[in-house]
Amino acid sequence: MFRFIVRRLVTLVVALFAISVLIFMLLRVLPGDLALVMAGVNASPERVAHLRVELGLNRPLTTQYLDWFGSLLHGDLGVSQMTGRPVTVRVAQRASITFPLIGMGLLVALGIGIPLGYKSVIARSSRVRSAMQLIAIIGGSVPALWAGLVLILLFARGTGLIGILPSQGFPLDAWQEPGKAFVSLLLPALTVGIIVGASIMRYTRSALMEQMSSDVISMAMACGYTRKQAMLHVGLRLAMPQLVSVIGLTFAEMITGVMVIENLFALPGIGSGLINDVGHRDLIAVQSELFLLAAFFLVIGLLVDITHRVLDPRLKG
């Protein structure tokens, strides 16, 4: 296990370095000039040239990259070229909205997906199984924007049929008032959770169906378990490594998936902030944010691999 973790950590470091180079170079080939954006379309060439020197855009790309990557190694994400504020502070503020939203959405998804996936396997009625399969297909096919609009029409204050939840914005004092912050994320979390829950339901059903057709369930029933007990205590446990992999990767993918949700519900999270920074050509902020997202994906993949290896003894050999 130790050698496996060391190998994966070395691979992680190499991948992060390669991604940092790729992000830096790709952003430099985008059309547009930050100095021209900041100076304005009517600015003189002298003013634009002065800004390029002030922002360091006149330096060689290699020097710019080494300065940025060296700052990353020291935990410094740089300073926004548009606002002059540290990128670390901005990312922390946005992450305090995005990650709780993802966490709440994942809890909703697990509360929907695993029980319904289990139910769709153990149900004796073919009608129930067909209904569960139809729910999974419909839930996974609904666009996030449409699902969010439906929930707003149903539950949003002022416009919904049952106006009990806020549908726009986030408290200015953020989590200093946790009740208001939590309520502000309920509708977005339900939107994310319902859609992701349908996918987890399908994966759970597939994993349990595979276990149900194996001899392990028959042996468990021969030892005194009922069919439901065998699937719950044995089948679900054996399917857990596969489900952990799916849940971990789903959690990472939800960061990009919530971008639409954040814009729909006017939440100043990482997704909406990244879109705003790209629009303003804020290279330092964008490249640091993209690098953090890529690092998050890779770290989640590492944790999933380690967890999968811990849960499945067959991989320890």
C-alpha atoms as a PDB file:
ATOM      1  CA  MET A   1       0.000   0.000   0.000  1.00  0.00           C
ATOM      2  CA  PHE A   2       2.839   2.403   0.872  1.00  0.00           C
ATOM      3  CA  ARG A   3       4.567   1.842  -2.469  1.00  0.00           C
ATOM      4  CA  PHE A   4       1.254   2.296  -4.269  1.00  0.00           C
ATOM      5  CA  ILE A   5       0.637   5.648  -2.533  1.00  0.00           C
ATOM      6  CA  VAL A   6       4.176   6.843  -3.303  1.00  0.00           C
ATOM      7  CA  ARG A   7       3.782   5.954  -6.988  1.00  0.00           C
ATOM      8  CA  ARG A   8       0.439   7.745  -7.152  1.00  0.00           C
ATOM      9  CA  LEU A   9       1.890  10.826  -5.435  1.00  0.00           C
ATOM     10  CA  VAL A  10       4.763  10.982  -7.920  1.00  0.00           C
ATOM     11  CA  THR A  11       2.271  10.668 -10.777  1.00  0.00           C
ATOM     12  CA  LEU A  12       0.178  13.440  -9.175  1.00  0.00           C
ATOM     13  CA  VAL A  13       3.146  15.826  -8.981  1.00  0.00           C
ATOM     14  CA  VAL A  14       4.147  15.175 -12.609  1.00  0.00           C
ATOM     15  CA  ALA A  15       0.541  15.651 -13.757  1.00  0.00           C
ATOM     16  CA  LEU A  16       0.214  18.933 -11.845  1.00  0.00           C
ATOM     17  CA  PHE A  17       3.391  20.288 -13.442  1.00  0.00           C
ATOM     18  CA  ALA A  18       2.222  19.292 -16.926  1.00  0.00           C
ATOM     19  CA  ILE A  19      -1.210  20.835 -16.321  1.00  0.00           C
ATOM     20  CA  SER A  20       0.320  24.098 -15.088  1.00  0.00           C
ATOM     21  CA  VAL A  21       2.348  24.419 -18.306  1.00  0.00           C
ATOM     22  CA  LEU A  22      -0.688  23.563 -20.443  1.00  0.00           C
ATOM     23  CA  ILE A  23      -2.960  26.070 -18.681  1.00  0.00           C
ATOM     24  CA  PHE A  24      -0.358  28.841 -18.874  1.00  0.00           C
ATOM     25  CA  MET A  25       0.290  28.363 -22.602  1.00  0.00           C
ATOM     26  CA  LEU A  26      -3.366  27.949 -23.604  1.00  0.00           C
ATOM     27  CA  LEU A  27      -4.377  31.175 -21.871  1.00  0.00           C
ATOM     28  CA  ARG A  28      -1.612  33.052 -23.698  1.00  0.00           C
ATOM     29  CA  VAL A  29      -3.003  32.131 -27.117  1.00  0.00           C
ATOM     30  CA  LEU A  30      -6.494  33.448 -26.353  1.00  0.00           C
ATOM     31  CA  PRO A  31      -7.456  36.567 -28.312  1.00  0.00           C
ATOM     32  CA  GLY A  32      -7.478  39.887 -26.494  1.00  0.00           C
ATOM     33  CA  ASP A  33      -5.038  41.967 -24.483  1.00  0.00           C
ATOM     34  CA  LEU A  34      -5.489  42.569 -20.750  1.00  0.00           C
ATOM     35  CA  ALA A  35      -3.679  45.896 -20.949  1.00  0.00           C
ATOM     36  CA  LEU A  36      -6.026  47.053 -23.709  1.00  0.00           C
ATOM     37  CA  VAL A  37      -9.042  45.899 -21.700  1.00  0.00           C
ATOM     38  CA  MET A  38      -7.924  47.823 -18.624  1.00  0.00           C
ATOM     39  CA  ALA A  39      -6.875  50.938 -20.527  1.00  0.00           C
ATOM     40  CA  GLY A  40     -10.059  51.106 -22.607  1.00  0.00           C
ATOM     41  CA  VAL A  41     -10.685  51.056 -26.338  1.00  0.00           C
ATOM     42  CA  ASN A  42      -9.880  54.770 -26.672  1.00  0.00           C
ATOM     43  CA  ALA A  43      -6.579  54.623 -24.806  1.00  0.00           C
ATOM     44  CA  SER A  44      -3.394  55.776 -26.492  1.00  0.00           C
ATOM     45  CA  PRO A  45      -0.739  53.237 -27.510  1.00  0.00           C
ATOM     46  CA  GLU A  46       1.596  54.787 -24.922  1.00  0.00           C
ATOM     47  CA  ARG A  47      -0.927  54.125 -22.150  1.00  0.00           C
ATOM     48  CA  VAL A  48      -1.386  50.509 -23.273  1.00  0.00           C
ATOM     49  CA  ALA A  49       2.401  49.995 -23.460  1.00  0.00           C
ATOM     50  CA  HIS A  50       2.817  51.473 -19.972  1.00  0.00           C
ATOM     51  CA  LEU A  51       0.202  49.083 -18.588  1.00  0.00           C
ATOM     52  CA  ARG A  52       1.883  46.108 -20.248  1.00  0.00           C
ATOM     53  CA  VAL A  53       5.128  47.003 -18.469  1.00  0.00           C
ATOM     54  CA  GLU A  54       3.309  47.592 -15.177  1.00  0.00           C
ATOM     55  CA  LEU A  55       1.531  44.240 -15.378  1.00  0.00           C
ATOM     56  CA  GLY A  56       4.661  42.390 -16.474  1.00  0.00           C
ATOM     57  CA  LEU A  57       3.129  41.336 -19.788  1.00  0.00           C
ATOM     58  CA  ASN A  58       6.200  42.532 -21.681  1.00  0.00           C
ATOM     59  CA  ARG A  59       8.442  39.942 -20.042  1.00  0.00           C
ATOM     60  CA  PRO A  60       9.301  36.628 -21.738  1.00  0.00           C
ATOM     61  CA  LEU A  61       6.694  33.914 -21.281  1.00  0.00           C
ATOM     62  CA  THR A  62       9.240  31.655 -19.567  1.00  0.00           C
ATOM     63  CA  THR A  63       9.894  34.304 -16.915  1.00  0.00           C
ATOM     64  CA  GLN A  64       6.187  34.885 -16.404  1.00  0.00           C
ATOM     65  CA  TYR A  65       5.572  31.157 -15.989  1.00  0.00           C
ATOM     66  CA  LEU A  66       8.446  30.607 -13.560  1.00  0.00           C
ATOM     67  CA  ASP A  67       7.307  33.538 -11.410  1.00  0.00           C
ATOM     68  CA  TRP A  68       3.744  32.208 -11.322  1.00  0.00           C
ATOM     69  CA  PHE A  69       4.714  28.584 -10.666  1.00  0.00           C
ATOM     70  CA  GLY A  70       7.212  29.624  -7.996  1.00  0.00           C
ATOM     71  CA  SER A  71       4.442  31.534  -6.244  1.00  0.00           C
ATOM     72  CA  LEU A  72       2.201  28.465  -6.422  1.00  0.00           C
ATOM     73  CA  LEU A  73       4.862  26.388  -4.664  1.00  0.00           C
ATOM     74  CA  HIS A  74       4.772  28.916  -1.802  1.00  0.00           C
ATOM     75  CA  GLY A  75       0.970  28.860  -1.624  1.00  0.00           C
ATOM     76  CA  ASP A  76       0.630  32.281  -3.261  1.00  0.00           C
ATOM     77  CA  LEU A  77      -1.912  32.334  -6.097  1.00  0.00           C
ATOM     78  CA  GLY A  78      -0.910  35.837  -7.133  1.00  0.00           C
ATOM     79  CA  VAL A  79      -2.782  39.104  -7.323  1.00  0.00           C
ATOM     80  CA  SER A  80      -5.681  39.794  -9.655  1.00  0.00           C
ATOM     81  CA  GLN A  81      -4.559  42.053 -12.467  1.00  0.00           C
ATOM     82  CA  MET A  82      -8.027  43.589 -12.696  1.00  0.00           C
ATOM     83  CA  THR A  83      -8.869  44.258  -9.044  1.00  0.00           C
ATOM     84  CA  GLY A  84      -5.498  44.162  -7.301  1.00  0.00           C
ATOM     85  CA  ARG A  85      -6.881  41.756  -4.669  1.00  0.00           C
ATOM     86  CA  PRO A  86      -5.113  38.489  -3.751  1.00  0.00           C
ATOM     87  CA  VAL A  87      -6.506  35.603  -5.757  1.00  0.00           C
ATOM     88  CA  THR A  88      -6.329  33.385  -2.659  1.00  0.00           C
ATOM     89  CA  VAL A  89      -8.901  35.571  -0.864  1.00  0.00           C
ATOM     90  CA  ARG A  90     -11.257  35.572  -3.847  1.00  0.00           C
ATOM     91  CA  VAL A  91     -11.012  31.812  -4.331  1.00  0.00           C
ATOM     92  CA  ALA A  92     -11.621  31.204  -0.619  1.00  0.00           C
ATOM     93  CA  GLN A  93     -14.747  33.372  -0.697  1.00  0.00           C
ATOM     94  CA  ARG A  94     -16.100  31.593  -3.761  1.00  0.00           C
ATOM     95  CA  ALA A  95     -15.184  28.146  -2.448  1.00  0.00           C
ATOM     96  CA  SER A  96     -17.172  28.850   0.736  1.00  0.00           C
ATOM     97  CA  ILE A  97     -20.255  28.859  -1.491  1.00  0.00           C
ATOM     98  CA  THR A  98     -19.415  26.267  -4.145  1.00  0.00           C
ATOM     99  CA  PHE A  99     -18.181  23.439  -1.917  1.00  0.00           C
ATOM    100  CA  PRO A 100     -21.074  23.576   0.566  1.00  0.00           C
ATOM    101  CA  LEU A 101     -23.412  23.594  -2.449  1.00  0.00           C
ATOM    102  CA  ILE A 102     -21.694  20.531  -3.888  1.00  0.00           C
ATOM    103  CA  GLY A 103     -21.688  18.802  -0.508  1.00  0.00           C
ATOM    104  CA  MET A 104     -25.394  19.427   0.042  1.00  0.00           C
ATOM    105  CA  GLY A 105     -26.186  18.374  -3.527  1.00  0.00           C
ATOM    106  CA  LEU A 106     -24.192  15.157  -3.096  1.00  0.00           C
ATOM    107  CA  LEU A 107     -26.034  14.337   0.145  1.00  0.00           C
ATOM    108  CA  VAL A 108     -29.342  14.797  -1.659  1.00  0.00           C
ATOM    109  CA  ALA A 109     -28.083  12.641  -4.538  1.00  0.00           C
ATOM    110  CA  LEU A 110     -26.962   9.848  -2.213  1.00  0.00           C
ATOM    111  CA  GLY A 111     -30.245  10.019  -0.311  1.00  0.00           C
ATOM    112  CA  ILE A 112     -32.083   9.561  -3.595  1.00  0.00           C
ATOM    113  CA  GLY A 113     -29.768   7.361  -5.650  1.00  0.00           C
ATOM    114  CA  ILE A 114     -28.678   4.554  -3.324  1.00  0.00           C
ATOM    115  CA  PRO A 115     -32.082   3.761  -1.708  1.00  0.00           C
ATOM    116  CA  LEU A 116     -33.950   3.924  -5.022  1.00  0.00           C
ATOM    117  CA  GLY A 117     -31.226   1.926  -6.773  1.00  0.00           C
ATOM    118  CA  TYR A 118     -31.494  -0.717  -4.068  1.00  0.00           C
ATOM    119  CA  LYS A 119     -35.294  -0.662  -4.274  1.00  0.00           C
ATOM    120  CA  SER A 120     -35.230  -1.098  -8.055  1.00  0.00           C
ATOM    121  CA  VAL A 121     -33.253  -4.326  -7.616  1.00  0.00           C
ATOM    122  CA  ILE A 122     -35.089  -6.002  -4.727  1.00  0.00           C
ATOM    123  CA  ALA A 123     -38.629  -5.058  -5.818  1.00  0.00           C
ATOM    124  CA  ARG A 124     -40.579  -8.152  -6.779  1.00  0.00           C
ATOM    125  CA  SER A 125     -43.136  -6.262  -8.823  1.00  0.00           C
ATOM    126  CA  SER A 126     -42.126  -5.698 -12.421  1.00  0.00           C
ATOM    127  CA  ARG A 127     -44.173  -2.503 -12.425  1.00  0.00           C
ATOM    128  CA  VAL A 128     -42.149  -1.085  -9.546  1.00  0.00           C
ATOM    129  CA  ARG A 129     -38.882  -1.996 -11.242  1.00  0.00           C
ATOM    130  CA  SER A 130     -40.027  -0.403 -14.489  1.00  0.00           C
ATOM    131  CA  ALA A 131     -41.178   2.719 -12.635  1.00  0.00           C
ATOM    132  CA  MET A 132     -37.788   3.016 -10.907  1.00  0.00           C
ATOM    133  CA  GLN A 133     -35.953   2.616 -14.187  1.00  0.00           C
ATOM    134  CA  LEU A 134     -38.171   5.268 -15.776  1.00  0.00           C
ATOM    135  CA  ILE A 135     -37.457   7.657 -12.891  1.00  0.00           C
ATOM    136  CA  ALA A 136     -33.707   7.162 -13.346  1.00  0.00           C
ATOM    137  CA  ILE A 137     -33.907   7.792 -17.104  1.00  0.00           C
ATOM    138  CA  ILE A 138     -36.083  10.897 -16.764  1.00  0.00           C
ATOM    139  CA  GLY A 139     -34.058  12.311 -13.866  1.00  0.00           C
ATOM    140  CA  GLY A 140     -30.768  11.879 -15.717  1.00  0.00           C
ATOM    141  CA  SER A 141     -32.180  13.402 -18.907  1.00  0.00           C
ATOM    142  CA  VAL A 142     -33.484  16.625 -17.364  1.00  0.00           C
ATOM    143  CA  PRO A 143     -31.227  19.638 -18.117  1.00  0.00           C
ATOM    144  CA  ALA A 144     -29.975  21.387 -14.990  1.00  0.00           C
ATOM    145  CA  LEU A 145     -31.313  24.753 -16.173  1.00  0.00           C
ATOM    146  CA  TRP A 146     -34.817  23.371 -16.729  1.00  0.00           C
ATOM    147  CA  ALA A 147     -34.849  21.531 -13.393  1.00  0.00           C
ATOM    148  CA  GLY A 148     -33.765  24.694 -11.586  1.00  0.00           C
ATOM    149  CA  LEU A 149     -36.482  26.754 -13.269  1.00  0.00           C
ATOM    150  CA  VAL A 150     -39.131  24.191 -12.325  1.00  0.00           C
ATOM    151  CA  LEU A 151     -38.044  24.262  -8.673  1.00  0.00           C
ATOM    152  CA  ILE A 152     -38.073  28.074  -8.729  1.00  0.00           C
ATOM    153  CA  LEU A 153     -41.622  28.064 -10.083  1.00  0.00           C
ATOM    154  CA  LEU A 154     -42.644  25.630  -7.360  1.00  0.00           C
ATOM    155  CA  PHE A 155     -40.822  26.825  -4.240  1.00  0.00           C
ATOM    156  CA  ALA A 156     -39.284  30.280  -4.791  1.00  0.00           C
ATOM    157  CA  ARG A 157     -40.460  33.145  -2.632  1.00  0.00           C
ATOM    158  CA  GLY A 158     -42.541  35.646  -4.555  1.00  0.00           C
ATOM    159  CA  THR A 159     -42.930  33.596  -7.718  1.00  0.00           C
ATOM    160  CA  GLY A 160     -43.420  29.978  -6.646  1.00  0.00           C
ATOM    161  CA  LEU A 161     -46.636  28.131  -5.981  1.00  0.00           C
ATOM    162  CA  ILE A 162     -45.306  27.309  -2.510  1.00  0.00           C
ATOM    163  CA  GLY A 163     -43.038  30.285  -1.826  1.00  0.00           C
ATOM    164  CA  ILE A 164     -40.880  29.053   1.013  1.00  0.00           C
ATOM    165  CA  LEU A 165     -37.257  29.277  -0.230  1.00  0.00           C
ATOM    166  CA  PRO A 166     -35.067  32.094  -1.628  1.00  0.00           C
ATOM    167  CA  SER A 167     -34.080  31.653  -5.246  1.00  0.00           C
ATOM    168  CA  GLN A 168     -31.512  34.387  -5.858  1.00  0.00           C
ATOM    169  CA  GLY A 169     -28.270  35.512  -4.261  1.00  0.00           C
ATOM    170  CA  PHE A 170     -26.301  34.678  -1.146  1.00  0.00           C
ATOM    171  CA  PRO A 171     -25.984  36.611   2.158  1.00  0.00           C
ATOM    172  CA  LEU A 172     -23.315  39.311   2.058  1.00  0.00           C
ATOM    173  CA  ASP A 173     -21.956  38.187   5.422  1.00  0.00           C
ATOM    174  CA  ALA A 174     -21.759  34.630   4.044  1.00  0.00           C
ATOM    175  CA  TRP A 175     -21.649  31.996   6.779  1.00  0.00           C
ATOM    176  CA  GLN A 176     -21.724  34.427   9.694  1.00  0.00           C
ATOM    177  CA  GLU A 177     -25.459  33.720   9.598  1.00  0.00           C
ATOM    178  CA  PRO A 178     -25.429  29.983   8.832  1.00  0.00           C
ATOM    179  CA  GLY A 179     -29.212  29.662   8.782  1.00  0.00           C
ATOM    180  CA  LYS A 180     -29.673  32.183   5.966  1.00  0.00           C
ATOM    181  CA  ALA A 181     -26.687  30.797   4.063  1.00  0.00           C
ATOM    182  CA  PHE A 182     -27.991  27.231   4.336  1.00  0.00           C
ATOM    183  CA  VAL A 183     -31.481  28.190   3.175  1.00  0.00           C
ATOM    184  CA  SER A 184     -30.005  30.109   0.215  1.00  0.00           C
ATOM    185  CA  LEU A 185     -28.344  26.913  -1.005  1.00  0.00           C
ATOM    186  CA  LEU A 186     -31.336  24.591  -0.589  1.00  0.00           C
ATOM    187  CA  LEU A 187     -32.944  25.104  -3.995  1.00  0.00           C
ATOM    188  CA  PRO A 188     -29.619  24.915  -5.900  1.00  0.00           C
ATOM    189  CA  ALA A 189     -28.644  21.813  -3.917  1.00  0.00           C
ATOM    190  CA  LEU A 190     -31.973  20.143  -4.689  1.00  0.00           C
ATOM    191  CA  THR A 191     -31.492  20.936  -8.381  1.00  0.00           C
ATOM    192  CA  VAL A 192     -28.029  19.388  -8.413  1.00  0.00           C
ATOM    193  CA  GLY A 193     -28.993  16.490  -6.150  1.00  0.00           C
ATOM    194  CA  ILE A 194     -31.997  15.331  -8.167  1.00  0.00           C
ATOM    195  CA  ILE A 195     -30.041  15.167 -11.415  1.00  0.00           C
ATOM    196  CA  VAL A 196     -26.930  13.563  -9.911  1.00  0.00           C
ATOM    197  CA  GLY A 197     -29.095  11.249  -7.803  1.00  0.00           C
ATOM    198  CA  ALA A 198     -30.605   9.768 -10.966  1.00  0.00           C
ATOM    199  CA  SER A 199     -27.116   8.885 -12.206  1.00  0.00           C
ATOM    200  CA  ILE A 200     -26.109   7.352  -8.866  1.00  0.00           C
ATOM    201  CA  MET A 201     -29.370   5.398  -8.893  1.00  0.00           C
ATOM    202  CA  ARG A 202     -28.460   3.843 -12.243  1.00  0.00           C
ATOM    203  CA  TYR A 203     -24.930   2.979 -11.074  1.00  0.00           C
ATOM    204  CA  THR A 204     -26.270   1.481  -7.835  1.00  0.00           C
ATOM    205  CA  ARG A 205     -28.808  -0.604  -9.704  1.00  0.00           C
ATOM    206  CA  SER A 206     -26.184  -1.850 -12.153  1.00  0.00           C
ATOM    207  CA  ALA A 207     -23.715  -2.734  -9.373  1.00  0.00           C
ATOM    208  CA  LEU A 208     -26.345  -4.555  -7.313  1.00  0.00           C
ATOM    209  CA  MET A 209     -27.709  -6.421 -10.335  1.00  0.00           C
ATOM    210  CA  GLU A 210     -24.214  -7.722 -10.973  1.00  0.00           C
ATOM    211  CA  GLN A 211     -23.942  -8.902  -7.359  1.00  0.00           C
ATOM    212  CA  MET A 212     -27.423 -10.435  -7.363  1.00  0.00           C
ATOM    213  CA  SER A 213     -26.500 -12.746 -10.238  1.00  0.00           C
ATOM    214  CA  SER A 214     -23.375 -13.950  -8.433  1.00  0.00           C
ATOM    215  CA  ASP A 215     -23.012 -16.992  -6.196  1.00  0.00           C
ATOM    216  CA  VAL A 216     -22.224 -14.802  -3.201  1.00  0.00           C
ATOM    217  CA  ILE A 217     -25.861 -13.789  -2.724  1.00  0.00           C
ATOM    218  CA  SER A 218     -26.988 -17.405  -3.064  1.00  0.00           C
ATOM    219  CA  MET A 219     -24.483 -18.445  -0.394  1.00  0.00           C
ATOM    220  CA  ALA A 220     -25.676 -15.636   1.901  1.00  0.00           C
ATOM    221  CA  MET A 221     -29.283 -16.774   1.474  1.00  0.00           C
ATOM    222  CA  ALA A 222     -28.220 -20.356   2.168  1.00  0.00           C
ATOM    223  CA  CYS A 223     -26.739 -19.113   5.452  1.00  0.00           C
ATOM    224  CA  GLY A 224     -30.099 -17.771   6.569  1.00  0.00           C
ATOM    225  CA  TYR A 225     -30.359 -14.315   5.045  1.00  0.00           C
ATOM    226  CA  THR A 226     -33.508 -13.294   3.243  1.00  0.00           C
ATOM    227  CA  ARG A 227     -33.139 -11.934  -0.264  1.00  0.00           C
ATOM    228  CA  LYS A 228     -33.438  -8.340   0.955  1.00  0.00           C
ATOM    229  CA  GLN A 229     -30.996  -8.908   3.804  1.00  0.00           C
ATOM    230  CA  ALA A 230     -28.479 -10.583   1.509  1.00  0.00           C
ATOM    231  CA  MET A 231     -28.590  -7.652  -0.941  1.00  0.00           C
ATOM    232  CA  LEU A 232     -28.384  -5.077   1.848  1.00  0.00           C
ATOM    233  CA  HIS A 233     -25.664  -6.619   4.017  1.00  0.00           C
ATOM    234  CA  VAL A 234     -23.638  -8.527   1.433  1.00  0.00           C
ATOM    235  CA  GLY A 235     -24.457  -7.217  -2.049  1.00  0.00           C
ATOM    236  CA  LEU A 236     -24.265  -3.542  -1.137  1.00  0.00           C
ATOM    237  CA  ARG A 237     -20.998  -4.053   0.740  1.00  0.00           C
ATOM    238  CA  LEU A 238     -19.423  -5.848  -2.209  1.00  0.00           C
ATOM    239  CA  ALA A 239     -20.655  -3.151  -4.584  1.00  0.00           C
ATOM    240  CA  MET A 240     -19.286  -0.371  -2.361  1.00  0.00           C
ATOM    241  CA  PRO A 241     -15.814  -0.113  -4.015  1.00  0.00           C
ATOM    242  CA  GLN A 242     -17.465   0.494  -7.379  1.00  0.00           C
ATOM    243  CA  LEU A 243     -19.913   2.972  -5.859  1.00  0.00           C
ATOM    244  CA  VAL A 244     -17.112   4.841  -4.068  1.00  0.00           C
ATOM    245  CA  SER A 245     -15.326   5.315  -7.381  1.00  0.00           C
ATOM    246  CA  VAL A 246     -18.493   6.622  -9.006  1.00  0.00           C
ATOM    247  CA  ILE A 247     -19.344   8.923  -6.085  1.00  0.00           C
ATOM    248  CA  GLY A 248     -15.805  10.318  -5.880  1.00  0.00           C
ATOM    249  CA  LEU A 249     -15.592  11.112  -9.577  1.00  0.00           C
ATOM    250  CA  THR A 250     -19.139  12.497  -9.512  1.00  0.00           C
ATOM    251  CA  PHE A 251     -18.146  14.815  -6.664  1.00  0.00           C
ATOM    252  CA  ALA A 252     -15.210  16.140  -8.717  1.00  0.00           C
ATOM    253  CA  GLU A 253     -17.334  16.574 -11.848  1.00  0.00           C
ATOM    254  CA  MET A 254     -19.964  18.492  -9.894  1.00  0.00           C
ATOM    255  CA  ILE A 255     -17.599  21.484  -9.647  1.00  0.00           C
ATOM    256  CA  THR A 256     -18.000  22.157 -13.353  1.00  0.00           C
ATOM    257  CA  GLY A 257     -21.624  21.029 -13.287  1.00  0.00           C
ATOM    258  CA  VAL A 258     -22.674  23.667 -10.751  1.00  0.00           C
ATOM    259  CA  MET A 259     -21.557  26.547 -12.994  1.00  0.00           C
ATOM    260  CA  VAL A 260     -24.980  26.668 -14.648  1.00  0.00           C
ATOM    261  CA  ILE A 261     -26.696  26.393 -11.276  1.00  0.00           C
ATOM    262  CA  GLU A 262     -24.637  29.199  -9.755  1.00  0.00           C
ATOM    263  CA  ASN A 263     -25.511  31.528 -12.615  1.00  0.00           C
ATOM    264  CA  LEU A 264     -29.184  30.562 -12.501  1.00  0.00           C
ATOM    265  CA  PHE A 265     -29.465  31.228  -8.758  1.00  0.00           C
ATOM    266  CA  ALA A 266     -27.072  34.237  -8.793  1.00  0.00           C
ATOM    267  CA  LEU A 267     -24.559  32.591  -6.464  1.00  0.00           C
ATOM    268  CA  PRO A 268     -21.057  34.156  -6.447  1.00  0.00           C
ATOM    269  CA  GLY A 269     -19.252  30.812  -6.444  1.00  0.00           C
ATOM    270  CA  ILE A 270     -16.228  29.441  -8.265  1.00  0.00           C
ATOM    271  CA  GLY A 271     -18.093  28.702 -11.500  1.00  0.00           C
ATOM    272  CA  SER A 272     -19.664  32.124 -11.978  1.00  0.00           C
ATOM    273  CA  GLY A 273     -16.464  33.820 -10.783  1.00  0.00           C
ATOM    274  CA  LEU A 274     -14.340  31.898 -13.272  1.00  0.00           C
ATOM    275  CA  ILE A 275     -16.642  32.878 -16.137  1.00  0.00           C
ATOM    276  CA  ASN A 276     -16.414  36.510 -15.017  1.00  0.00           C
ATOM    277  CA  ASP A 277     -12.603  36.403 -14.814  1.00  0.00           C
ATOM    278  CA  VAL A 278     -12.336  34.833 -18.271  1.00  0.00           C
ATOM    279  CA  GLY A 279     -14.548  37.587 -19.660  1.00  0.00           C
ATOM    280  CA  HIS A 280     -12.284  40.252 -18.133  1.00  0.00           C
ATOM    281  CA  ARG A 281      -9.129  38.476 -19.396  1.00  0.00           C
ATOM    282  CA  ASP A 282      -7.699  38.360 -15.864  1.00  0.00           C
ATOM    283  CA  LEU A 283      -4.924  35.896 -16.674  1.00  0.00           C
ATOM    284  CA  ILE A 284      -3.406  35.530 -13.215  1.00  0.00           C
ATOM    285  CA  ALA A 285      -6.774  34.847 -11.588  1.00  0.00           C
ATOM    286  CA  VAL A 286      -7.961  32.497 -14.340  1.00  0.00           C
ATOM    287  CA  GLN A 287      -4.814  30.410 -14.532  1.00  0.00           C
ATOM    288  CA  SER A 288      -4.629  30.040 -10.746  1.00  0.00           C
ATOM    289  CA  GLU A 289      -8.305  29.075 -10.518  1.00  0.00           C
ATOM    290  CA  LEU A 290      -8.016  26.557 -13.352  1.00  0.00           C
ATOM    291  CA  PHE A 291      -4.914  25.050 -11.752  1.00  0.00           C
ATOM    292  CA  LEU A 292      -6.727  24.660  -8.427  1.00  0.00           C
ATOM    293  CA  LEU A 293      -9.672  22.962 -10.149  1.00  0.00           C
ATOM    294  CA  ALA A 294      -7.333  20.599 -11.994  1.00  0.00           C
ATOM    295  CA  ALA A 295      -5.480  19.843  -8.754  1.00  0.00           C
ATOM    296  CA  PHE A 296      -8.787  19.135  -7.043  1.00  0.00           C
ATOM    297  CA  PHE A 297      -9.778  16.654  -9.775  1.00  0.00           C
ATOM    298  CA  LEU A 298      -6.445  14.856  -9.461  1.00  0.00           C
ATOM    299  CA  VAL A 299      -6.524  14.743  -5.657  1.00  0.00           C
ATOM    300  CA  ILE A 300     -10.058  13.330  -5.693  1.00  0.00           C
ATOM    301  CA  GLY A 301      -8.877  10.689  -8.167  1.00  0.00           C
ATOM    302  CA  LEU A 302      -5.986   9.819  -5.829  1.00  0.00           C
ATOM    303  CA  LEU A 303      -8.307   9.502  -2.818  1.00  0.00           C
ATOM    304  CA  VAL A 304     -10.721   7.355  -4.829  1.00  0.00           C
ATOM    305  CA  ASP A 305      -7.915   5.012  -5.877  1.00  0.00           C
ATOM    306  CA  ILE A 306      -6.678   4.663  -2.294  1.00  0.00           C
ATOM    307  CA  THR A 307     -10.182   4.117  -0.911  1.00  0.00           C
ATOM    308  CA  HIS A 308     -10.954   1.591  -3.644  1.00  0.00           C
ATOM    309  CA  ARG A 309      -7.783  -0.305  -2.783  1.00  0.00           C
ATOM    310  CA  VAL A 310      -8.657  -0.299   0.930  1.00  0.00           C
ATOM    311  CA  LEU A 311     -12.213  -1.548   0.338  1.00  0.00           C
ATOM    312  CA  ASP A 312     -11.267  -4.235  -2.193  1.00  0.00           C
ATOM    313  CA  PRO A 313      -8.724  -6.679  -0.719  1.00  0.00           C
ATOM    314  CA  ARG A 314      -8.214  -8.266  -4.150  1.00  0.00           C
ATOM    315  CA  LEU A 315      -6.221  -5.192  -5.232  1.00  0.00           C
ATOM    316  CA  LYS A 316      -3.672  -5.446  -2.410  1.00  0.00           C
ATOM    317  CA  GLY A 317      -1.707  -8.236  -3.990  1.00  0.00           C
END
